[in-house]
């Protein structure tokens, strides 16, 4: 099996198992604020005076998040590039959701790396392979 075939196989396996949706797969909340989004891929930009800029991949500014967890919540919620998302008003819930989601992503990374080592005992591209699988699945881990 080549690494390209491995990436395709593992991506399909993870998809067929069903990826948990963020944030609904990790928390529930009632008090929320709606945030309109451009329907494009988002990334965390630079920090300016304690706020984190959320930008599109082409560099257009979208939002200034109050803290890093808030910024990650927005980017993780944007996986399917919706036109709007709901953000909990309580920052503790935001942090809890992000922490739980990142634990889930870390478990996926460990699973992929373990499978990679089983298939490519002399392979040195485990991290790059994980990154490629995450690209295929449209996942990001900050």
C-alpha atoms as a PDB file:
ATOM      1  CA  UNK A   1       0.000   0.000   0.000  1.00  0.00           C
ATOM      2  CA  UNK A   2       1.302   3.454  -0.859  1.00  0.00           C
ATOM      3  CA  UNK A   3       0.939   6.475   1.412  1.00  0.00           C
ATOM      4  CA  UNK A   4      -1.559   7.964  -1.025  1.00  0.00           C
ATOM      5  CA  UNK A   5      -3.692   4.812  -0.819  1.00  0.00           C
ATOM      6  CA  UNK A   6      -3.341   4.852   2.980  1.00  0.00           C
ATOM      7  CA  UNK A   7      -4.573   8.460   3.128  1.00  0.00           C
ATOM      8  CA  UNK A   8      -7.586   7.598   0.989  1.00  0.00           C
ATOM      9  CA  UNK A   9      -8.384   4.436   2.988  1.00  0.00           C
ATOM     10  CA  UNK A  10      -8.128   6.063   6.425  1.00  0.00           C
ATOM     11  CA  UNK A  11     -10.070   9.153   5.303  1.00  0.00           C
ATOM     12  CA  UNK A  12     -12.902   6.930   4.097  1.00  0.00           C
ATOM     13  CA  UNK A  13     -12.838   4.868   7.304  1.00  0.00           C
ATOM     14  CA  UNK A  14     -13.075   7.944   9.515  1.00  0.00           C
ATOM     15  CA  UNK A  15     -15.837   9.427   7.349  1.00  0.00           C
ATOM     16  CA  UNK A  16     -17.837   6.211   7.385  1.00  0.00           C
ATOM     17  CA  UNK A  17     -17.562   5.986  11.190  1.00  0.00           C
ATOM     18  CA  UNK A  18     -19.080   9.457  11.290  1.00  0.00           C
ATOM     19  CA  UNK A  19     -17.154  12.518  12.351  1.00  0.00           C
ATOM     20  CA  UNK A  20     -18.568  14.289  15.360  1.00  0.00           C
ATOM     21  CA  UNK A  21     -19.923  17.711  14.494  1.00  0.00           C
ATOM     22  CA  UNK A  22     -18.635  20.756  16.313  1.00  0.00           C
ATOM     23  CA  UNK A  23     -20.036  22.167  18.554  1.00  0.00           C
ATOM     24  CA  UNK A  24     -23.236  20.081  18.708  1.00  0.00           C
ATOM     25  CA  UNK A  25     -21.348  16.829  19.279  1.00  0.00           C
ATOM     26  CA  UNK A  26     -19.584  18.243  22.316  1.00  0.00           C
ATOM     27  CA  UNK A  27     -21.861  20.685  24.151  1.00  0.00           C
ATOM     28  CA  UNK A  28     -25.361  22.055  24.270  1.00  0.00           C
ATOM     29  CA  UNK A  29     -26.196  25.637  25.119  1.00  0.00           C
ATOM     30  CA  UNK A  30     -29.204  27.913  25.219  1.00  0.00           C
ATOM     31  CA  UNK A  31     -27.830  31.417  25.699  1.00  0.00           C
ATOM     32  CA  UNK A  32     -26.209  32.207  22.387  1.00  0.00           C
ATOM     33  CA  UNK A  33     -25.293  34.894  19.919  1.00  0.00           C
ATOM     34  CA  UNK A  34     -25.551  34.470  16.150  1.00  0.00           C
ATOM     35  CA  UNK A  35     -22.483  35.320  14.100  1.00  0.00           C
ATOM     36  CA  UNK A  36     -22.823  35.853  10.346  1.00  0.00           C
ATOM     37  CA  UNK A  37     -19.994  34.313   8.323  1.00  0.00           C
ATOM     38  CA  UNK A  38     -18.890  34.613   4.696  1.00  0.00           C
ATOM     39  CA  UNK A  39     -19.324  30.908   3.855  1.00  0.00           C
ATOM     40  CA  UNK A  40     -15.589  30.562   3.177  1.00  0.00           C
ATOM     41  CA  UNK A  41     -12.704  28.784   4.886  1.00  0.00           C
ATOM     42  CA  UNK A  42     -11.518  30.662   7.977  1.00  0.00           C
ATOM     43  CA  UNK A  43      -8.245  30.754   9.883  1.00  0.00           C
ATOM     44  CA  UNK A  44      -7.015  32.491  12.998  1.00  0.00           C
ATOM     45  CA  UNK A  45      -4.978  35.562  12.161  1.00  0.00           C
ATOM     46  CA  UNK A  46      -2.835  37.698  14.391  1.00  0.00           C
ATOM     47  CA  UNK A  47      -3.468  38.874  17.913  1.00  0.00           C
ATOM     48  CA  UNK A  48      -4.138  42.595  18.292  1.00  0.00           C
ATOM     49  CA  UNK A  49      -4.346  43.997  21.817  1.00  0.00           C
ATOM     50  CA  UNK A  50      -5.683  40.755  23.295  1.00  0.00           C
ATOM     51  CA  UNK A  51      -8.166  40.029  20.493  1.00  0.00           C
ATOM     52  CA  UNK A  52      -7.665  37.410  17.806  1.00  0.00           C
ATOM     53  CA  UNK A  53      -8.526  38.200  14.239  1.00  0.00           C
ATOM     54  CA  UNK A  54     -10.504  35.634  12.230  1.00  0.00           C
ATOM     55  CA  UNK A  55      -9.760  35.916   8.527  1.00  0.00           C
ATOM     56  CA  UNK A  56     -10.650  34.120   5.311  1.00  0.00           C
ATOM     57  CA  UNK A  57      -7.882  32.212   3.579  1.00  0.00           C
ATOM     58  CA  UNK A  58      -7.573  35.095   1.110  1.00  0.00           C
ATOM     59  CA  UNK A  59      -6.856  37.493   3.993  1.00  0.00           C
ATOM     60  CA  UNK A  60     -10.186  39.289   4.433  1.00  0.00           C
ATOM     61  CA  UNK A  61     -10.980  40.113   8.039  1.00  0.00           C
ATOM     62  CA  UNK A  62     -14.202  38.540   9.339  1.00  0.00           C
ATOM     63  CA  UNK A  63     -14.287  38.951  13.115  1.00  0.00           C
ATOM     64  CA  UNK A  64     -12.212  39.844  16.179  1.00  0.00           C
ATOM     65  CA  UNK A  65     -12.561  37.192  18.889  1.00  0.00           C
ATOM     66  CA  UNK A  66     -12.223  38.081  22.572  1.00  0.00           C
ATOM     67  CA  UNK A  67      -9.727  35.290  23.289  1.00  0.00           C
ATOM     68  CA  UNK A  68      -7.998  32.316  21.672  1.00  0.00           C
ATOM     69  CA  UNK A  69     -10.695  29.792  22.686  1.00  0.00           C
ATOM     70  CA  UNK A  70     -13.361  32.046  21.179  1.00  0.00           C
ATOM     71  CA  UNK A  71     -11.316  32.251  17.950  1.00  0.00           C
ATOM     72  CA  UNK A  72     -10.864  28.482  17.803  1.00  0.00           C
ATOM     73  CA  UNK A  73     -14.585  27.963  18.491  1.00  0.00           C
ATOM     74  CA  UNK A  74     -15.450  30.073  15.444  1.00  0.00           C
ATOM     75  CA  UNK A  75     -12.932  28.379  13.147  1.00  0.00           C
ATOM     76  CA  UNK A  76     -13.906  24.873  14.309  1.00  0.00           C
ATOM     77  CA  UNK A  77     -17.622  25.717  13.876  1.00  0.00           C
ATOM     78  CA  UNK A  78     -16.904  26.843  10.320  1.00  0.00           C
ATOM     79  CA  UNK A  79     -15.825  23.382   9.083  1.00  0.00           C
ATOM     80  CA  UNK A  80     -18.730  23.158   6.621  1.00  0.00           C
ATOM     81  CA  UNK A  81     -18.535  26.882   5.855  1.00  0.00           C
ATOM     82  CA  UNK A  82     -22.033  27.911   6.982  1.00  0.00           C
ATOM     83  CA  UNK A  83     -23.381  31.430   6.507  1.00  0.00           C
ATOM     84  CA  UNK A  84     -23.882  31.784  10.276  1.00  0.00           C
ATOM     85  CA  UNK A  85     -23.098  30.014  13.547  1.00  0.00           C
ATOM     86  CA  UNK A  86     -24.252  30.318  17.129  1.00  0.00           C
ATOM     87  CA  UNK A  87     -21.731  31.075  19.843  1.00  0.00           C
ATOM     88  CA  UNK A  88     -22.445  30.477  23.542  1.00  0.00           C
ATOM     89  CA  UNK A  89     -22.541  33.642  25.629  1.00  0.00           C
ATOM     90  CA  UNK A  90     -20.708  31.862  28.458  1.00  0.00           C
ATOM     91  CA  UNK A  91     -16.943  31.736  27.852  1.00  0.00           C
ATOM     92  CA  UNK A  92     -16.654  28.641  30.090  1.00  0.00           C
ATOM     93  CA  UNK A  93     -18.887  26.716  27.680  1.00  0.00           C
ATOM     94  CA  UNK A  94     -16.760  27.888  24.753  1.00  0.00           C
ATOM     95  CA  UNK A  95     -13.588  26.666  26.469  1.00  0.00           C
ATOM     96  CA  UNK A  96     -15.232  23.343  27.408  1.00  0.00           C
ATOM     97  CA  UNK A  97     -16.388  22.756  23.823  1.00  0.00           C
ATOM     98  CA  UNK A  98     -12.994  23.574  22.312  1.00  0.00           C
ATOM     99  CA  UNK A  99     -11.134  21.438  24.853  1.00  0.00           C
ATOM    100  CA  UNK A 100     -13.442  18.461  24.235  1.00  0.00           C
ATOM    101  CA  UNK A 101     -13.189  18.836  20.464  1.00  0.00           C
ATOM    102  CA  UNK A 102      -9.407  19.050  20.577  1.00  0.00           C
ATOM    103  CA  UNK A 103      -9.275  15.883  22.705  1.00  0.00           C
ATOM    104  CA  UNK A 104     -11.386  14.198  20.039  1.00  0.00           C
ATOM    105  CA  UNK A 105      -9.054  15.432  17.283  1.00  0.00           C
ATOM    106  CA  UNK A 106      -6.030  14.263  19.285  1.00  0.00           C
ATOM    107  CA  UNK A 107      -7.568  10.787  19.565  1.00  0.00           C
ATOM    108  CA  UNK A 108      -8.015  10.752  15.771  1.00  0.00           C
ATOM    109  CA  UNK A 109      -4.388  11.794  15.316  1.00  0.00           C
ATOM    110  CA  UNK A 110      -3.179   8.990  17.618  1.00  0.00           C
ATOM    111  CA  UNK A 111      -5.341   6.462  15.784  1.00  0.00           C
ATOM    112  CA  UNK A 112      -3.989   7.572  12.403  1.00  0.00           C
ATOM    113  CA  UNK A 113      -0.374   7.572  13.611  1.00  0.00           C
ATOM    114  CA  UNK A 114      -0.757   4.081  15.105  1.00  0.00           C
ATOM    115  CA  UNK A 115      -2.228   2.739  11.873  1.00  0.00           C
ATOM    116  CA  UNK A 116       0.511   4.486   9.887  1.00  0.00           C
ATOM    117  CA  UNK A 117       3.248   2.831  11.967  1.00  0.00           C
ATOM    118  CA  UNK A 118       1.576  -0.555  11.513  1.00  0.00           C
ATOM    119  CA  UNK A 119       1.521  -0.106   7.728  1.00  0.00           C
ATOM    120  CA  UNK A 120       4.813   1.730   7.234  1.00  0.00           C
ATOM    121  CA  UNK A 121       7.236   0.569   9.904  1.00  0.00           C
ATOM    122  CA  UNK A 122      10.109   2.479   8.306  1.00  0.00           C
ATOM    123  CA  UNK A 123       7.969   5.414   7.209  1.00  0.00           C
ATOM    124  CA  UNK A 124       8.899   8.841   8.474  1.00  0.00           C
ATOM    125  CA  UNK A 125       5.956  10.821   7.155  1.00  0.00           C
ATOM    126  CA  UNK A 126       3.396  10.174   9.901  1.00  0.00           C
ATOM    127  CA  UNK A 127       2.822  13.883  10.644  1.00  0.00           C
ATOM    128  CA  UNK A 128       2.525  14.794   6.972  1.00  0.00           C
ATOM    129  CA  UNK A 129       0.118  11.901   6.452  1.00  0.00           C
ATOM    130  CA  UNK A 130      -2.035  13.044   9.377  1.00  0.00           C
ATOM    131  CA  UNK A 131      -2.081  16.538   7.872  1.00  0.00           C
ATOM    132  CA  UNK A 132      -3.174  15.185   4.484  1.00  0.00           C
ATOM    133  CA  UNK A 133      -5.965  13.122   6.049  1.00  0.00           C
ATOM    134  CA  UNK A 134      -7.139  16.171   8.013  1.00  0.00           C
ATOM    135  CA  UNK A 135      -7.156  18.168   4.743  1.00  0.00           C
ATOM    136  CA  UNK A 136      -9.295  15.522   3.061  1.00  0.00           C
ATOM    137  CA  UNK A 137     -11.706  15.559   6.007  1.00  0.00           C
ATOM    138  CA  UNK A 138     -11.621  19.368   6.188  1.00  0.00           C
ATOM    139  CA  UNK A 139     -10.401  19.310   9.789  1.00  0.00           C
ATOM    140  CA  UNK A 140      -7.979  21.659  11.457  1.00  0.00           C
ATOM    141  CA  UNK A 141      -6.264  21.428  14.853  1.00  0.00           C
ATOM    142  CA  UNK A 142      -4.890  24.567  16.488  1.00  0.00           C
END
